[in-house]
Each structure stands twice: as C-alpha cells, then as structure tokens.
Amino acid sequence: MARSQSADCPPFYARYVDLAPEDDVLSAMQVQADVTRQAILRYADRPGFRYAPGKWSVRQVVGHMADTERLFGFRALWFARADPAPLPGMEQDDWMAASDFDAVNLEEVLAGFQAARASNLLLLRQLTPDAWARRGVASGHPFSVRALAHILLGHERAHLQVLSERYP
C-alpha cells in the first residue's frame, strides 16, 4: 500500500502522517505495539503524573490514545464500507472531561488501547485495494482510509514523543 498523500486528509493531520512514513503501515503498526507497551509501562509507578497543572496525566494520555484509536478505526470502517454519510468530529478535551481514566489501572487503560489496535489491524488487513482508496467526510473534512491508517500510527507515535519529552 502506498503512503498517504496530502490530499488524503486535512492539513492538521499531516503531522501524524509525517510520523508514519512507512509504505507498509500495517507491519509498522504491529512492530509499534511492543515499543508502545514498553514506553507506557515506564510510568507504572507514577500513572497520575502531570508535567504541569491542568495537563493530562499519563493515564489520561493513554486513555486519549485508546479513544482516538477506536474513533479513527471506526472512521476507517465506515469509509471502507462506502457509507456516504458524514461523521461528526470529536473534541478531545470534552471527551477527557467525560472520562475517568485516572480511576482505572494504567495497565487496563493500556490494554484498551492494545485491544483497539489489534481490532483495527484485523480490519485493515482484510481490506481490498479499492477499500483503502475510499474516502469519506469526518469533522467536515475528507479523509481516505489509507490516510486514517497512517494517522493511527502517527498519532500513537506523537503521544509517545510527548510522553518522552514532557513526562520525565
């Protein structure tokens, strides 16, 4: 599968696509699983850590990663099945305010992310070349299924980068 192009998603998401330069995004997603697990478990003794007041805790960052994995996987499914109805957006801070990730064990939050990723990998591996190229609208912007796969991987990597830089 070819790498996503700039026309495959809105400019805001290009930063995530740039963090997933692999042509074989599915293999990269599979390999990333161990990297992510190891990175998250470094915070097992301080899952409630926040690098500044008002910022998300480690558990909340992982919970956000899980929510986003689920949401963008659903978008990929919706578009791959050629449903023409547009999908709504999500406001991450509103979603976080309605969640209670800090009351959940870090390993359970991580398991939720891993389960969503495993499900998305199964879905993406079963898509036809035509399905990968299909497009749909979410948050008022066009996306291709191919772009969503790269965004999933890039989003994961972006948050691991934030954790390593801001959560010592």
Protein backbone atom coordinates (compact mmCIF):
# COMPACT_ATOMS: atom_id res chain seq x y z
CA MET A 1 0.00 0.00 0.00
CA ALA A 2 1.35 3.40 -0.94
CA ARG A 3 1.95 6.09 1.63
CA SER A 4 -0.80 8.59 2.27
CA GLN A 5 -0.73 11.84 0.30
CA SER A 6 -1.52 15.35 1.49
CA ALA A 7 -4.90 15.33 -0.30
CA ASP A 8 -5.93 12.24 1.71
CA CYS A 9 -6.60 14.21 4.90
CA PRO A 10 -6.91 17.75 6.25
CA PRO A 11 -3.64 19.65 6.86
CA PHE A 12 -3.96 19.37 10.65
CA TYR A 13 -3.44 15.61 10.39
CA ALA A 14 -0.38 15.85 8.13
CA ARG A 15 1.83 15.91 11.23
CA TYR A 16 0.60 12.43 12.13
CA VAL A 17 1.02 11.15 8.58
CA ASP A 18 4.58 12.53 8.61
CA LEU A 19 5.31 10.46 11.73
CA ALA A 20 4.26 7.31 9.84
CA PRO A 21 6.39 7.38 6.66
CA GLU A 22 6.32 3.61 6.09
CA ASP A 23 4.66 2.25 2.97
CA ASP A 24 3.79 -0.91 4.89
CA VAL A 25 1.84 0.81 7.63
CA LEU A 26 0.32 -2.43 8.90
CA SER A 27 3.68 -4.01 9.65
CA ALA A 28 4.78 -0.77 11.28
CA MET A 29 1.65 -0.76 13.46
CA GLN A 30 2.38 -4.34 14.52
CA VAL A 31 6.00 -3.57 15.42
CA GLN A 32 4.97 -0.41 17.26
CA ALA A 33 2.90 -2.46 19.73
CA ASP A 34 5.91 -3.56 21.78
CA VAL A 35 7.51 -0.11 21.63
CA THR A 36 4.33 1.48 22.96
CA ARG A 37 3.81 -1.06 25.73
CA GLN A 38 7.37 -0.63 26.99
CA ALA A 39 7.14 3.17 26.80
CA ILE A 40 3.86 3.29 28.75
CA LEU A 41 4.93 0.81 31.40
CA ARG A 42 7.86 3.08 32.31
CA TYR A 43 5.19 5.13 34.09
CA ALA A 44 3.70 2.21 36.06
CA ASP A 45 4.92 3.72 39.33
CA ARG A 46 3.50 7.19 38.55
CA PRO A 47 0.49 6.90 36.24
CA GLY A 48 -1.10 10.04 37.69
CA PHE A 49 1.92 12.23 36.87
CA ARG A 50 1.18 15.52 35.08
CA TYR A 51 4.02 17.68 33.80
CA ALA A 52 2.11 20.86 34.64
CA PRO A 53 -1.14 21.83 36.37
CA GLY A 54 -4.14 21.30 34.14
CA LYS A 55 -2.30 18.91 31.81
CA TRP A 56 -3.36 15.32 31.30
CA SER A 57 -1.97 12.57 33.49
CA VAL A 58 -0.08 9.68 31.95
CA ARG A 59 -3.22 7.53 32.31
CA GLN A 60 -5.26 10.20 30.56
CA VAL A 61 -2.78 10.39 27.68
CA VAL A 62 -3.04 6.63 27.22
CA GLY A 63 -6.83 6.82 27.53
CA HIS A 64 -6.88 9.52 24.85
CA MET A 65 -4.75 7.27 22.64
CA ALA A 66 -7.29 4.47 23.16
CA ASP A 67 -10.27 6.71 22.41
CA THR A 68 -8.61 8.03 19.26
CA GLU A 69 -7.67 4.53 18.13
CA ARG A 70 -11.29 3.46 18.49
CA LEU A 71 -12.68 6.55 16.79
CA PHE A 72 -10.34 6.57 13.82
CA GLY A 73 -10.70 2.82 13.41
CA PHE A 74 -14.46 3.32 13.24
CA ARG A 75 -13.97 6.04 10.65
CA ALA A 76 -11.79 3.69 8.59
CA LEU A 77 -14.51 1.01 8.76
CA TRP A 78 -17.26 3.49 7.84
CA PHE A 79 -15.38 4.83 4.84
CA ALA A 80 -14.11 1.41 3.72
CA ARG A 81 -17.72 0.22 3.59
CA ALA A 82 -18.52 3.19 1.31
CA ASP A 83 -21.13 4.73 3.59
CA PRO A 84 -21.72 8.22 2.21
CA ALA A 85 -22.96 9.77 5.47
CA PRO A 86 -20.52 12.24 7.04
CA LEU A 87 -19.26 11.55 10.55
CA PRO A 88 -19.10 14.10 13.36
CA GLY A 89 -15.92 15.36 14.91
CA MET A 90 -14.76 14.98 18.47
CA GLU A 91 -13.43 17.50 20.91
CA GLN A 92 -10.69 15.74 22.83
CA ASP A 93 -10.95 17.92 25.93
CA ASP A 94 -14.71 17.32 26.17
CA TRP A 95 -14.14 13.60 25.81
CA MET A 96 -11.48 13.72 28.52
CA ALA A 97 -13.80 15.64 30.85
CA ALA A 98 -16.42 12.90 30.38
CA SER A 99 -13.95 10.09 31.06
CA ASP A 100 -12.45 8.89 34.31
CA PHE A 101 -9.18 7.34 33.16
CA ASP A 102 -7.46 8.32 36.40
CA ALA A 103 -9.71 5.87 38.24
CA VAL A 104 -8.54 2.98 36.05
CA ASN A 105 -5.36 0.98 36.44
CA LEU A 106 -2.72 2.06 33.88
CA GLU A 107 -2.34 -1.50 32.56
CA GLU A 108 -6.10 -1.68 31.94
CA VAL A 109 -6.09 1.62 30.06
CA LEU A 110 -3.13 0.36 28.02
CA ALA A 111 -4.96 -2.94 27.40
CA GLY A 112 -7.88 -0.94 25.99
CA PHE A 113 -5.54 0.77 23.55
CA GLN A 114 -3.92 -2.53 22.59
CA ALA A 115 -7.29 -4.21 22.03
CA ALA A 116 -8.47 -1.37 19.81
CA ARG A 117 -5.20 -1.52 17.84
CA ALA A 118 -5.46 -5.30 17.41
CA SER A 119 -9.03 -4.93 16.17
CA ASN A 120 -8.05 -2.19 13.75
CA LEU A 121 -5.18 -4.27 12.40
CA LEU A 122 -7.55 -7.18 11.73
CA LEU A 123 -9.93 -4.85 9.91
CA LEU A 124 -7.23 -3.12 7.87
CA ARG A 125 -5.58 -6.40 6.83
CA GLN A 126 -8.88 -7.56 5.33
CA LEU A 127 -9.48 -4.51 3.16
CA THR A 128 -9.33 -4.66 -0.61
CA PRO A 129 -7.19 -2.16 -2.55
CA ASP A 130 -10.40 -0.35 -3.52
CA ALA A 131 -11.42 -0.03 0.13
CA TRP A 132 -8.04 1.50 1.03
CA ALA A 133 -8.65 4.25 -1.51
CA ARG A 134 -12.19 5.03 -0.42
CA ARG A 135 -12.89 8.41 1.10
CA GLY A 136 -15.37 9.88 3.50
CA VAL A 137 -16.00 13.03 5.49
CA ALA A 138 -15.41 13.39 9.22
CA SER A 139 -15.32 16.64 11.18
CA GLY A 140 -16.28 18.37 7.94
CA HIS A 141 -13.10 17.22 6.16
CA PRO A 142 -12.32 14.48 3.64
CA PHE A 143 -10.17 11.51 4.66
CA SER A 144 -9.10 8.38 2.83
CA VAL A 145 -8.97 5.02 4.58
CA ARG A 146 -5.25 4.92 3.73
CA ALA A 147 -4.70 8.25 5.49
CA LEU A 148 -6.57 7.05 8.57
CA ALA A 149 -4.21 4.09 8.92
CA HIS A 150 -1.19 6.39 8.78
CA ILE A 151 -2.86 8.82 11.18
CA LEU A 152 -3.46 6.00 13.67
CA LEU A 153 0.23 5.11 13.71
CA GLY A 154 1.41 8.72 13.67
CA HIS A 155 -0.95 9.71 16.49
CA GLU A 156 0.43 6.90 18.64
CA ARG A 157 4.00 7.97 17.91
CA ALA A 158 3.18 11.65 18.55
CA HIS A 159 1.88 10.90 22.03
CA LEU A 160 4.82 8.66 22.85
CA GLN A 161 7.02 11.58 21.85
CA VAL A 162 5.07 13.93 24.14
CA LEU A 163 5.43 11.44 26.98
CA SER A 164 9.19 11.10 26.50
CA GLU A 165 9.72 14.88 26.24
CA ARG A 166 7.34 16.20 28.90
CA TYR A 167 6.82 13.34 31.32
CA PRO A 168 10.33 12.65 32.66
